[in-house]
Amino acid sequence: QNWDPFLPKFTIQNESKEDVLKIIGP
């Protein structure tokens, strides 16, 4: 989970903890 005061935000990481994708909610 990524900090954001307004939107739900997440980062998808691979097995090496490298950022791969983002998930952004309403």
mmCIF file of all heavy atoms, coordinates in Angstrom:
data_MODEL
# 
_entry.id   MODEL 
# 
loop_
_atom_site.group_PDB 
_atom_site.id 
_atom_site.type_symbol 
_atom_site.label_atom_id 
_atom_site.label_alt_id 
_atom_site.label_comp_id 
_atom_site.label_asym_id 
_atom_site.label_entity_id 
_atom_site.label_seq_id 
_atom_site.pdbx_PDB_ins_code 
_atom_site.Cartn_x 
_atom_site.Cartn_y 
_atom_site.Cartn_z 
_atom_site.occupancy 
_atom_site.B_iso_or_equiv 
_atom_site.pdbx_formal_charge 
_atom_site.auth_seq_id 
_atom_site.auth_comp_id 
_atom_site.auth_asym_id 
_atom_site.auth_atom_id 
_atom_site.pdbx_PDB_model_num 
ATOM 1   N N   . GLN A 1 1  ? 0.842   -1.194  0.000   1.00 0.00 ? 1  GLN A N   1 
ATOM 2   C CA  . GLN A 1 1  ? 0.000   0.000   0.000   1.00 0.00 ? 1  GLN A CA  1 
ATOM 3   C C   . GLN A 1 1  ? 0.877   1.244   0.000   1.00 0.00 ? 1  GLN A C   1 
ATOM 4   O O   . GLN A 1 1  ? 1.878   1.321   0.728   1.00 0.00 ? 1  GLN A O   1 
ATOM 5   C CB  . GLN A 1 1  ? -0.921  0.015   1.217   1.00 0.00 ? 1  GLN A CB  1 
ATOM 6   C CG  . GLN A 1 1  ? -1.891  1.196   1.236   1.00 0.00 ? 1  GLN A CG  1 
ATOM 7   C CD  . GLN A 1 1  ? -2.730  1.243   2.507   1.00 0.00 ? 1  GLN A CD  1 
ATOM 8   O OE1 . GLN A 1 1  ? -2.502  0.478   3.447   1.00 0.00 ? 1  GLN A OE1 1 
ATOM 9   N NE2 . GLN A 1 1  ? -3.694  2.153   2.555   1.00 0.00 ? 1  GLN A NE2 1 
ATOM 10  N N   . ASN A 1 2  ? 0.518   2.227   -0.828  1.00 0.00 ? 2  ASN A N   1 
ATOM 11  C CA  . ASN A 1 2  ? 1.237   3.504   -0.893  1.00 0.00 ? 2  ASN A CA  1 
ATOM 12  C C   . ASN A 1 2  ? 0.446   4.585   -0.184  1.00 0.00 ? 2  ASN A C   1 
ATOM 13  O O   . ASN A 1 2  ? -0.783  4.629   -0.277  1.00 0.00 ? 2  ASN A O   1 
ATOM 14  C CB  . ASN A 1 2  ? 1.479   3.912   -2.349  1.00 0.00 ? 2  ASN A CB  1 
ATOM 15  C CG  . ASN A 1 2  ? 2.198   2.841   -3.148  1.00 0.00 ? 2  ASN A CG  1 
ATOM 16  O OD1 . ASN A 1 2  ? 1.723   2.399   -4.180  1.00 0.00 ? 2  ASN A OD1 1 
ATOM 17  N ND2 . ASN A 1 2  ? 3.342   2.392   -2.656  1.00 0.00 ? 2  ASN A ND2 1 
ATOM 18  N N   . TRP A 1 3  ? 1.155   5.455   0.499   1.00 0.00 ? 3  TRP A N   1 
ATOM 19  C CA  . TRP A 1 3  ? 0.466   6.524   1.225   1.00 0.00 ? 3  TRP A CA  1 
ATOM 20  C C   . TRP A 1 3  ? -0.125  7.539   0.265   1.00 0.00 ? 3  TRP A C   1 
ATOM 21  O O   . TRP A 1 3  ? 0.539   8.013   -0.659  1.00 0.00 ? 3  TRP A O   1 
ATOM 22  C CB  . TRP A 1 3  ? 1.421   7.234   2.171   1.00 0.00 ? 3  TRP A CB  1 
ATOM 23  C CG  . TRP A 1 3  ? 0.725   8.262   3.034   1.00 0.00 ? 3  TRP A CG  1 
ATOM 24  C CD1 . TRP A 1 3  ? 0.108   8.051   4.220   1.00 0.00 ? 3  TRP A CD1 1 
ATOM 25  C CD2 . TRP A 1 3  ? 0.557   9.649   2.725   1.00 0.00 ? 3  TRP A CD2 1 
ATOM 26  N NE1 . TRP A 1 3  ? -0.441  9.228   4.692   1.00 0.00 ? 3  TRP A NE1 1 
ATOM 27  C CE2 . TRP A 1 3  ? -0.183  10.224  3.790   1.00 0.00 ? 3  TRP A CE2 1 
ATOM 28  C CE3 . TRP A 1 3  ? 0.952   10.455  1.659   1.00 0.00 ? 3  TRP A CE3 1 
ATOM 29  C CZ2 . TRP A 1 3  ? -0.519  11.569  3.818   1.00 0.00 ? 3  TRP A CZ2 1 
ATOM 30  C CZ3 . TRP A 1 3  ? 0.605   11.799  1.676   1.00 0.00 ? 3  TRP A CZ3 1 
ATOM 31  C CH2 . TRP A 1 3  ? -0.125  12.345  2.765   1.00 0.00 ? 3  TRP A CH2 1 
ATOM 32  N N   . ASP A 1 4  ? -1.390  7.853   0.466   1.00 0.00 ? 4  ASP A N   1 
ATOM 33  C CA  . ASP A 1 4  ? -2.063  8.908   -0.293  1.00 0.00 ? 4  ASP A CA  1 
ATOM 34  C C   . ASP A 1 4  ? -3.247  9.380   0.537   1.00 0.00 ? 4  ASP A C   1 
ATOM 35  O O   . ASP A 1 4  ? -4.008  8.550   1.046   1.00 0.00 ? 4  ASP A O   1 
ATOM 36  C CB  . ASP A 1 4  ? -2.538  8.395   -1.653  1.00 0.00 ? 4  ASP A CB  1 
ATOM 37  C CG  . ASP A 1 4  ? -3.025  9.523   -2.555  1.00 0.00 ? 4  ASP A CG  1 
ATOM 38  O OD1 . ASP A 1 4  ? -4.173  9.979   -2.365  1.00 0.00 ? 4  ASP A OD1 1 
ATOM 39  O OD2 . ASP A 1 4  ? -2.270  9.943   -3.443  1.00 0.00 ? 4  ASP A OD2 1 
ATOM 40  N N   . PRO A 1 5  ? -3.419  10.691  0.706   1.00 0.00 ? 5  PRO A N   1 
ATOM 41  C CA  . PRO A 1 5  ? -4.503  11.173  1.571   1.00 0.00 ? 5  PRO A CA  1 
ATOM 42  C C   . PRO A 1 5  ? -5.890  11.027  0.965   1.00 0.00 ? 5  PRO A C   1 
ATOM 43  O O   . PRO A 1 5  ? -6.887  11.135  1.684   1.00 0.00 ? 5  PRO A O   1 
ATOM 44  C CB  . PRO A 1 5  ? -4.149  12.655  1.770   1.00 0.00 ? 5  PRO A CB  1 
ATOM 45  C CG  . PRO A 1 5  ? -3.358  13.013  0.545   1.00 0.00 ? 5  PRO A CG  1 
ATOM 46  C CD  . PRO A 1 5  ? -2.583  11.777  0.189   1.00 0.00 ? 5  PRO A CD  1 
ATOM 47  N N   . PHE A 1 6  ? -5.980  10.747  -0.339  1.00 0.00 ? 6  PHE A N   1 
ATOM 48  C CA  . PHE A 1 6  ? -7.289  10.731  -0.993  1.00 0.00 ? 6  PHE A CA  1 
ATOM 49  C C   . PHE A 1 6  ? -7.617  9.429   -1.703  1.00 0.00 ? 6  PHE A C   1 
ATOM 50  O O   . PHE A 1 6  ? -8.759  8.970   -1.646  1.00 0.00 ? 6  PHE A O   1 
ATOM 51  C CB  . PHE A 1 6  ? -7.384  11.890  -1.994  1.00 0.00 ? 6  PHE A CB  1 
ATOM 52  C CG  . PHE A 1 6  ? -7.129  13.239  -1.393  1.00 0.00 ? 6  PHE A CG  1 
ATOM 53  C CD1 . PHE A 1 6  ? -5.987  13.948  -1.724  1.00 0.00 ? 6  PHE A CD1 1 
ATOM 54  C CD2 . PHE A 1 6  ? -8.022  13.795  -0.485  1.00 0.00 ? 6  PHE A CD2 1 
ATOM 55  C CE1 . PHE A 1 6  ? -5.752  15.201  -1.164  1.00 0.00 ? 6  PHE A CE1 1 
ATOM 56  C CE2 . PHE A 1 6  ? -7.797  15.036  0.078   1.00 0.00 ? 6  PHE A CE2 1 
ATOM 57  C CZ  . PHE A 1 6  ? -6.645  15.745  -0.256  1.00 0.00 ? 6  PHE A CZ  1 
ATOM 58  N N   . LEU A 1 7  ? -6.658  8.831   -2.400  1.00 0.00 ? 7  LEU A N   1 
ATOM 59  C CA  . LEU A 1 7  ? -6.933  7.674   -3.239  1.00 0.00 ? 7  LEU A CA  1 
ATOM 60  C C   . LEU A 1 7  ? -6.305  6.401   -2.687  1.00 0.00 ? 7  LEU A C   1 
ATOM 61  O O   . LEU A 1 7  ? -5.204  6.442   -2.131  1.00 0.00 ? 7  LEU A O   1 
ATOM 62  C CB  . LEU A 1 7  ? -6.399  7.908   -4.665  1.00 0.00 ? 7  LEU A CB  1 
ATOM 63  C CG  . LEU A 1 7  ? -6.991  9.072   -5.448  1.00 0.00 ? 7  LEU A CG  1 
ATOM 64  C CD1 . LEU A 1 7  ? -6.276  9.209   -6.785  1.00 0.00 ? 7  LEU A CD1 1 
ATOM 65  C CD2 . LEU A 1 7  ? -8.485  8.879   -5.665  1.00 0.00 ? 7  LEU A CD2 1 
ATOM 66  N N   . PRO A 1 8  ? -6.982  5.259   -2.840  1.00 0.00 ? 8  PRO A N   1 
ATOM 67  C CA  . PRO A 1 8  ? -6.346  3.972   -2.512  1.00 0.00 ? 8  PRO A CA  1 
ATOM 68  C C   . PRO A 1 8  ? -5.287  3.654   -3.572  1.00 0.00 ? 8  PRO A C   1 
ATOM 69  O O   . PRO A 1 8  ? -5.606  3.578   -4.764  1.00 0.00 ? 8  PRO A O   1 
ATOM 70  C CB  . PRO A 1 8  ? -7.513  2.973   -2.576  1.00 0.00 ? 8  PRO A CB  1 
ATOM 71  C CG  . PRO A 1 8  ? -8.765  3.792   -2.652  1.00 0.00 ? 8  PRO A CG  1 
ATOM 72  C CD  . PRO A 1 8  ? -8.378  5.085   -3.273  1.00 0.00 ? 8  PRO A CD  1 
ATOM 73  N N   . LYS A 1 9  ? -4.051  3.485   -3.144  1.00 0.00 ? 9  LYS A N   1 
ATOM 74  C CA  . LYS A 1 9  ? -2.969  3.208   -4.093  1.00 0.00 ? 9  LYS A CA  1 
ATOM 75  C C   . LYS A 1 9  ? -2.109  2.053   -3.592  1.00 0.00 ? 9  LYS A C   1 
ATOM 76  O O   . LYS A 1 9  ? -1.810  1.967   -2.399  1.00 0.00 ? 9  LYS A O   1 
ATOM 77  C CB  . LYS A 1 9  ? -2.087  4.448   -4.294  1.00 0.00 ? 9  LYS A CB  1 
ATOM 78  C CG  . LYS A 1 9  ? -2.769  5.586   -5.038  1.00 0.00 ? 9  LYS A CG  1 
ATOM 79  C CD  . LYS A 1 9  ? -1.801  6.723   -5.339  1.00 0.00 ? 9  LYS A CD  1 
ATOM 80  C CE  . LYS A 1 9  ? -2.480  7.817   -6.147  1.00 0.00 ? 9  LYS A CE  1 
ATOM 81  N NZ  . LYS A 1 9  ? -1.537  8.918   -6.484  1.00 0.00 ? 9  LYS A NZ  1 
ATOM 82  N N   . PHE A 1 10 ? -1.735  1.193   -4.529  1.00 0.00 ? 10 PHE A N   1 
ATOM 83  C CA  . PHE A 1 10 ? -0.908  0.035   -4.208  1.00 0.00 ? 10 PHE A CA  1 
ATOM 84  C C   . PHE A 1 10 ? 0.142   -0.155  -5.301  1.00 0.00 ? 10 PHE A C   1 
ATOM 85  O O   . PHE A 1 10 ? -0.048  0.270   -6.447  1.00 0.00 ? 10 PHE A O   1 
ATOM 86  C CB  . PHE A 1 10 ? -1.758  -1.239  -4.118  1.00 0.00 ? 10 PHE A CB  1 
ATOM 87  C CG  . PHE A 1 10 ? -2.887  -1.162  -3.133  1.00 0.00 ? 10 PHE A CG  1 
ATOM 88  C CD1 . PHE A 1 10 ? -4.124  -0.656  -3.504  1.00 0.00 ? 10 PHE A CD1 1 
ATOM 89  C CD2 . PHE A 1 10 ? -2.712  -1.596  -1.824  1.00 0.00 ? 10 PHE A CD2 1 
ATOM 90  C CE1 . PHE A 1 10 ? -5.169  -0.591  -2.609  1.00 0.00 ? 10 PHE A CE1 1 
ATOM 91  C CE2 . PHE A 1 10 ? -3.752  -1.520  -0.913  1.00 0.00 ? 10 PHE A CE2 1 
ATOM 92  C CZ  . PHE A 1 10 ? -4.988  -1.015  -1.300  1.00 0.00 ? 10 PHE A CZ  1 
ATOM 93  N N   . THR A 1 11 ? 1.235   -0.795  -4.917  1.00 0.00 ? 11 THR A N   1 
ATOM 94  C CA  . THR A 1 11 ? 2.261   -1.170  -5.882  1.00 0.00 ? 11 THR A CA  1 
ATOM 95  C C   . THR A 1 11 ? 2.386   -2.678  -5.900  1.00 0.00 ? 11 THR A C   1 
ATOM 96  O O   . THR A 1 11 ? 2.431   -3.319  -4.844  1.00 0.00 ? 11 THR A O   1 
ATOM 97  C CB  . THR A 1 11 ? 3.628   -0.543  -5.519  1.00 0.00 ? 11 THR A CB  1 
ATOM 98  O OG1 . THR A 1 11 ? 3.508   0.884   -5.552  1.00 0.00 ? 11 THR A OG1 1 
ATOM 99  C CG2 . THR A 1 11 ? 4.699   -0.975  -6.508  1.00 0.00 ? 11 THR A CG2 1 
ATOM 100 N N   . ILE A 1 12 ? 2.426   -3.242  -7.111  1.00 0.00 ? 12 ILE A N   1 
ATOM 101 C CA  . ILE A 1 12 ? 2.686   -4.667  -7.284  1.00 0.00 ? 12 ILE A CA  1 
ATOM 102 C C   . ILE A 1 12 ? 4.186   -4.840  -7.492  1.00 0.00 ? 12 ILE A C   1 
ATOM 103 O O   . ILE A 1 12 ? 4.779   -4.198  -8.372  1.00 0.00 ? 12 ILE A O   1 
ATOM 104 C CB  . ILE A 1 12 ? 1.927   -5.231  -8.501  1.00 0.00 ? 12 ILE A CB  1 
ATOM 105 C CG1 . ILE A 1 12 ? 0.418   -5.042  -8.332  1.00 0.00 ? 12 ILE A CG1 1 
ATOM 106 C CG2 . ILE A 1 12 ? 2.266   -6.707  -8.709  1.00 0.00 ? 12 ILE A CG2 1 
ATOM 107 C CD1 . ILE A 1 12 ? -0.192  -5.821  -7.206  1.00 0.00 ? 12 ILE A CD1 1 
ATOM 108 N N   . GLN A 1 13 ? 4.803   -5.677  -6.686  1.00 0.00 ? 13 GLN A N   1 
ATOM 109 C CA  . GLN A 1 13 ? 6.235   -5.932  -6.786  1.00 0.00 ? 13 GLN A CA  1 
ATOM 110 C C   . GLN A 1 13 ? 6.494   -7.394  -7.125  1.00 0.00 ? 13 GLN A C   1 
ATOM 111 O O   . GLN A 1 13 ? 5.698   -8.268  -6.775  1.00 0.00 ? 13 GLN A O   1 
ATOM 112 C CB  . GLN A 1 13 ? 6.939   -5.576  -5.467  1.00 0.00 ? 13 GLN A CB  1 
ATOM 113 C CG  . GLN A 1 13 ? 6.811   -4.110  -5.077  1.00 0.00 ? 13 GLN A CG  1 
ATOM 114 C CD  . GLN A 1 13 ? 7.480   -3.810  -3.743  1.00 0.00 ? 13 GLN A CD  1 
ATOM 115 O OE1 . GLN A 1 13 ? 7.584   -4.687  -2.882  1.00 0.00 ? 13 GLN A OE1 1 
ATOM 116 N NE2 . GLN A 1 13 ? 7.915   -2.577  -3.552  1.00 0.00 ? 13 GLN A NE2 1 
ATOM 117 N N   . ASN A 1 14 ? 7.619   -7.646  -7.799  1.00 0.00 ? 14 ASN A N   1 
ATOM 118 C CA  . ASN A 1 14 ? 7.996   -9.026  -8.089  1.00 0.00 ? 14 ASN A CA  1 
ATOM 119 C C   . ASN A 1 14 ? 8.714   -9.640  -6.902  1.00 0.00 ? 14 ASN A C   1 
ATOM 120 O O   . ASN A 1 14 ? 8.793   -9.039  -5.815  1.00 0.00 ? 14 ASN A O   1 
ATOM 121 C CB  . ASN A 1 14 ? 8.832   -9.107  -9.372  1.00 0.00 ? 14 ASN A CB  1 
ATOM 122 C CG  . ASN A 1 14 ? 10.147  -8.337  -9.267  1.00 0.00 ? 14 ASN A CG  1 
ATOM 123 O OD1 . ASN A 1 14 ? 10.603  -7.998  -8.160  1.00 0.00 ? 14 ASN A OD1 1 
ATOM 124 N ND2 . ASN A 1 14 ? 10.757  -8.049  -10.394 1.00 0.00 ? 14 ASN A ND2 1 
ATOM 125 N N   . GLU A 1 15 ? 9.258   -10.846 -7.095  1.00 0.00 ? 15 GLU A N   1 
ATOM 126 C CA  . GLU A 1 15 ? 9.887   -11.555 -5.976  1.00 0.00 ? 15 GLU A CA  1 
ATOM 127 C C   . GLU A 1 15 ? 11.126  -10.843 -5.442  1.00 0.00 ? 15 GLU A C   1 
ATOM 128 O O   . GLU A 1 15 ? 11.530  -11.046 -4.304  1.00 0.00 ? 15 GLU A O   1 
ATOM 129 C CB  . GLU A 1 15 ? 10.250  -12.987 -6.397  1.00 0.00 ? 15 GLU A CB  1 
ATOM 130 C CG  . GLU A 1 15 ? 11.383  -13.109 -7.396  1.00 0.00 ? 15 GLU A CG  1 
ATOM 131 C CD  . GLU A 1 15 ? 10.955  -12.879 -8.834  1.00 0.00 ? 15 GLU A CD  1 
ATOM 132 O OE1 . GLU A 1 15 ? 9.776   -12.507 -9.059  1.00 0.00 ? 15 GLU A OE1 1 
ATOM 133 O OE2 . GLU A 1 15 ? 11.785  -13.080 -9.736  1.00 0.00 ? 15 GLU A OE2 1 
ATOM 134 N N   . SER A 1 16 ? 11.732  -9.955  -6.270  1.00 0.00 ? 16 SER A N   1 
ATOM 135 C CA  . SER A 1 16 ? 12.913  -9.196  -5.845  1.00 0.00 ? 16 SER A CA  1 
ATOM 136 C C   . SER A 1 16 ? 12.547  -7.845  -5.261  1.00 0.00 ? 16 SER A C   1 
ATOM 137 O O   . SER A 1 16 ? 13.418  -7.000  -5.051  1.00 0.00 ? 16 SER A O   1 
ATOM 138 C CB  . SER A 1 16 ? 13.863  -9.005  -7.034  1.00 0.00 ? 16 SER A CB  1 
ATOM 139 O OG  . SER A 1 16 ? 14.252  -10.250 -7.572  1.00 0.00 ? 16 SER A OG  1 
ATOM 140 N N   . LYS A 1 17 ? 11.257  -7.607  -5.037  1.00 0.00 ? 17 LYS A N   1 
ATOM 141 C CA  . LYS A 1 17 ? 10.727  -6.339  -4.523  1.00 0.00 ? 17 LYS A CA  1 
ATOM 142 C C   . LYS A 1 17 ? 10.971  -5.182  -5.478  1.00 0.00 ? 17 LYS A C   1 
ATOM 143 O O   . LYS A 1 17 ? 11.101  -4.023  -5.054  1.00 0.00 ? 17 LYS A O   1 
ATOM 144 C CB  . LYS A 1 17 ? 11.281  -6.036  -3.124  1.00 0.00 ? 17 LYS A CB  1 
ATOM 145 C CG  . LYS A 1 17 ? 10.697  -6.928  -2.039  1.00 0.00 ? 17 LYS A CG  1 
ATOM 146 C CD  . LYS A 1 17 ? 10.659  -6.236  -0.688  1.00 0.00 ? 17 LYS A CD  1 
ATOM 147 C CE  . LYS A 1 17 ? 9.750   -6.988  0.284   1.00 0.00 ? 17 LYS A CE  1 
ATOM 148 N NZ  . LYS A 1 17 ? 9.582   -6.281  1.555   1.00 0.00 ? 17 LYS A NZ  1 
ATOM 149 N N   . GLU A 1 18 ? 11.031  -5.479  -6.772  1.00 0.00 ? 18 GLU A N   1 
ATOM 150 C CA  . GLU A 1 18 ? 11.081  -4.440  -7.794  1.00 0.00 ? 18 GLU A CA  1 
ATOM 151 C C   . GLU A 1 18 ? 9.658   -4.050  -8.171  1.00 0.00 ? 18 GLU A C   1 
ATOM 152 O O   . GLU A 1 18 ? 8.802   -4.918  -8.364  1.00 0.00 ? 18 GLU A O   1 
ATOM 153 C CB  . GLU A 1 18 ? 11.820  -4.938  -9.042  1.00 0.00 ? 18 GLU A CB  1 
ATOM 154 C CG  . GLU A 1 18 ? 13.266  -5.318  -8.808  1.00 0.00 ? 18 GLU A CG  1 
ATOM 155 C CD  . GLU A 1 18 ? 13.876  -5.963  -10.027 1.00 0.00 ? 18 GLU A CD  1 
ATOM 156 O OE1 . GLU A 1 18 ? 13.247  -6.865  -10.627 1.00 0.00 ? 18 GLU A OE1 1 
ATOM 157 O OE2 . GLU A 1 18 ? 14.997  -5.567  -10.387 1.00 0.00 ? 18 GLU A OE2 1 
ATOM 158 N N   . ASP A 1 19 ? 9.400   -2.748  -8.277  1.00 0.00 ? 19 ASP A N   1 
ATOM 159 C CA  . ASP A 1 19 ? 8.074   -2.288  -8.667  1.00 0.00 ? 19 ASP A CA  1 
ATOM 160 C C   . ASP A 1 19 ? 7.763   -2.748  -10.082 1.00 0.00 ? 19 ASP A C   1 
ATOM 161 O O   . ASP A 1 19 ? 8.596   -2.624  -10.994 1.00 0.00 ? 19 ASP A O   1 
ATOM 162 C CB  . ASP A 1 19 ? 8.002   -0.762  -8.592  1.00 0.00 ? 19 ASP A CB  1 
ATOM 163 C CG  . ASP A 1 19 ? 8.084   -0.245  -7.161  1.00 0.00 ? 19 ASP A CG  1 
ATOM 164 O OD1 . ASP A 1 19 ? 8.064   -1.071  -6.230  1.00 0.00 ? 19 ASP A OD1 1 
ATOM 165 O OD2 . ASP A 1 19 ? 8.179   0.986   -6.986  1.00 0.00 ? 19 ASP A OD2 1 
ATOM 166 N N   . VAL A 1 20 ? 6.556   -3.282  -10.272 1.00 0.00 ? 20 VAL A N   1 
ATOM 167 C CA  . VAL A 1 20 ? 6.158   -3.825  -11.572 1.00 0.00 ? 20 VAL A CA  1 
ATOM 168 C C   . VAL A 1 20 ? 4.920   -3.106  -12.113 1.00 0.00 ? 20 VAL A C   1 
ATOM 169 O O   . VAL A 1 20 ? 4.890   -2.679  -13.254 1.00 0.00 ? 20 VAL A O   1 
ATOM 170 C CB  . VAL A 1 20 ? 5.885   -5.343  -11.469 1.00 0.00 ? 20 VAL A CB  1 
ATOM 171 C CG1 . VAL A 1 20 ? 5.369   -5.886  -12.796 1.00 0.00 ? 20 VAL A CG1 1 
ATOM 172 C CG2 . VAL A 1 20 ? 7.138   -6.085  -11.037 1.00 0.00 ? 20 VAL A CG2 1 
ATOM 173 N N   . LEU A 1 21 ? 3.888   -2.972  -11.291 1.00 0.00 ? 21 LEU A N   1 
ATOM 174 C CA  . LEU A 1 21 ? 2.637   -2.344  -11.694 1.00 0.00 ? 21 LEU A CA  1 
ATOM 175 C C   . LEU A 1 21 ? 2.088   -1.502  -10.546 1.00 0.00 ? 21 LEU A C   1 
ATOM 176 O O   . LEU A 1 21 ? 2.548   -1.614  -9.406  1.00 0.00 ? 21 LEU A O   1 
ATOM 177 C CB  . LEU A 1 21 ? 1.600   -3.400  -12.102 1.00 0.00 ? 21 LEU A CB  1 
ATOM 178 C CG  . LEU A 1 21 ? 1.889   -4.253  -13.340 1.00 0.00 ? 21 LEU A CG  1 
ATOM 179 C CD1 . LEU A 1 21 ? 0.856   -5.376  -13.443 1.00 0.00 ? 21 LEU A CD1 1 
ATOM 180 C CD2 . LEU A 1 21 ? 1.897   -3.423  -14.607 1.00 0.00 ? 21 LEU A CD2 1 
ATOM 181 N N   . LYS A 1 22 ? 1.085   -0.705  -10.864 1.00 0.00 ? 22 LYS A N   1 
ATOM 182 C CA  . LYS A 1 22 ? 0.376   0.089   -9.866  1.00 0.00 ? 22 LYS A CA  1 
ATOM 183 C C   . LYS A 1 22 ? -1.107  -0.276  -9.882  1.00 0.00 ? 22 LYS A C   1 
ATOM 184 O O   . LYS A 1 22 ? -1.644  -0.670  -10.924 1.00 0.00 ? 22 LYS A O   1 
ATOM 185 C CB  . LYS A 1 22 ? 0.510   1.590   -10.152 1.00 0.00 ? 22 LYS A CB  1 
ATOM 186 C CG  . LYS A 1 22 ? 1.926   2.134   -10.122 1.00 0.00 ? 22 LYS A CG  1 
ATOM 187 C CD  . LYS A 1 22 ? 1.912   3.615   -10.466 1.00 0.00 ? 22 LYS A CD  1 
ATOM 188 C CE  . LYS A 1 22 ? 3.312   4.209   -10.437 1.00 0.00 ? 22 LYS A CE  1 
ATOM 189 N NZ  . LYS A 1 22 ? 3.288   5.666   -10.778 1.00 0.00 ? 22 LYS A NZ  1 
ATOM 190 N N   . ILE A 1 23 ? -1.746  -0.135  -8.735  1.00 0.00 ? 23 ILE A N   1 
ATOM 191 C CA  . ILE A 1 23 ? -3.202  -0.254  -8.644  1.00 0.00 ? 23 ILE A CA  1 
ATOM 192 C C   . ILE A 1 23 ? -3.714  1.024   -7.996  1.00 0.00 ? 23 ILE A C   1 
ATOM 193 O O   . ILE A 1 23 ? -3.256  1.406   -6.912  1.00 0.00 ? 23 ILE A O   1 
ATOM 194 C CB  . ILE A 1 23 ? -3.626  -1.478  -7.815  1.00 0.00 ? 23 ILE A CB  1 
ATOM 195 C CG1 . ILE A 1 23 ? -3.155  -2.771  -8.488  1.00 0.00 ? 23 ILE A CG1 1 
ATOM 196 C CG2 . ILE A 1 23 ? -5.144  -1.501  -7.644  1.00 0.00 ? 23 ILE A CG2 1 
ATOM 197 C CD1 . ILE A 1 23 ? -3.467  -4.021  -7.688  1.00 0.00 ? 23 ILE A CD1 1 
ATOM 198 N N   . ILE A 1 24 ? -4.639  1.694   -8.669  1.00 0.00 ? 24 ILE A N   1 
ATOM 199 C CA  . ILE A 1 24 ? -5.168  2.968   -8.174  1.00 0.00 ? 24 ILE A CA  1 
ATOM 200 C C   . ILE A 1 24 ? -6.689  2.879   -8.126  1.00 0.00 ? 24 ILE A C   1 
ATOM 201 O O   . ILE A 1 24 ? -7.345  2.601   -9.134  1.00 0.00 ? 24 ILE A O   1 
ATOM 202 C CB  . ILE A 1 24 ? -4.725  4.144   -9.062  1.00 0.00 ? 24 ILE A CB  1 
ATOM 203 C CG1 . ILE A 1 24 ? -3.191  4.207   -9.118  1.00 0.00 ? 24 ILE A CG1 1 
ATOM 204 C CG2 . ILE A 1 24 ? -5.300  5.462   -8.539  1.00 0.00 ? 24 ILE A CG2 1 
ATOM 205 C CD1 . ILE A 1 24 ? -2.655  5.292   -10.031 1.00 0.00 ? 24 ILE A CD1 1 
ATOM 206 N N   . GLY A 1 25 ? -7.238  3.105   -6.948  1.00 0.00 ? 25 GLY A N   1 
ATOM 207 C CA  . GLY A 1 25 ? -8.674  3.026   -6.762  1.00 0.00 ? 25 GLY A CA  1 
ATOM 208 C C   . GLY A 1 25 ? -9.343  4.381   -6.842  1.00 0.00 ? 25 GLY A C   1 
ATOM 209 O O   . GLY A 1 25 ? -8.675  5.422   -6.958  1.00 0.00 ? 25 GLY A O   1 
ATOM 210 N N   . PRO A 1 26 ? -10.668 4.417   -6.749  1.00 0.00 ? 26 PRO A N   1 
ATOM 211 C CA  . PRO A 1 26 ? -11.415 5.683   -6.821  1.00 0.00 ? 26 PRO A CA  1 
ATOM 212 C C   . PRO A 1 26 ? -11.400 6.419   -5.483  1.00 0.00 ? 26 PRO A C   1 
ATOM 213 O O   . PRO A 1 26 ? -11.094 5.841   -4.439  1.00 0.00 ? 26 PRO A O   1 
ATOM 214 C CB  . PRO A 1 26 ? -12.827 5.229   -7.178  1.00 0.00 ? 26 PRO A CB  1 
ATOM 215 C CG  . PRO A 1 26 ? -12.935 3.876   -6.545  1.00 0.00 ? 26 PRO A CG  1 
ATOM 216 C CD  . PRO A 1 26 ? -11.566 3.249   -6.650  1.00 0.00 ? 26 PRO A CD  1 
# 
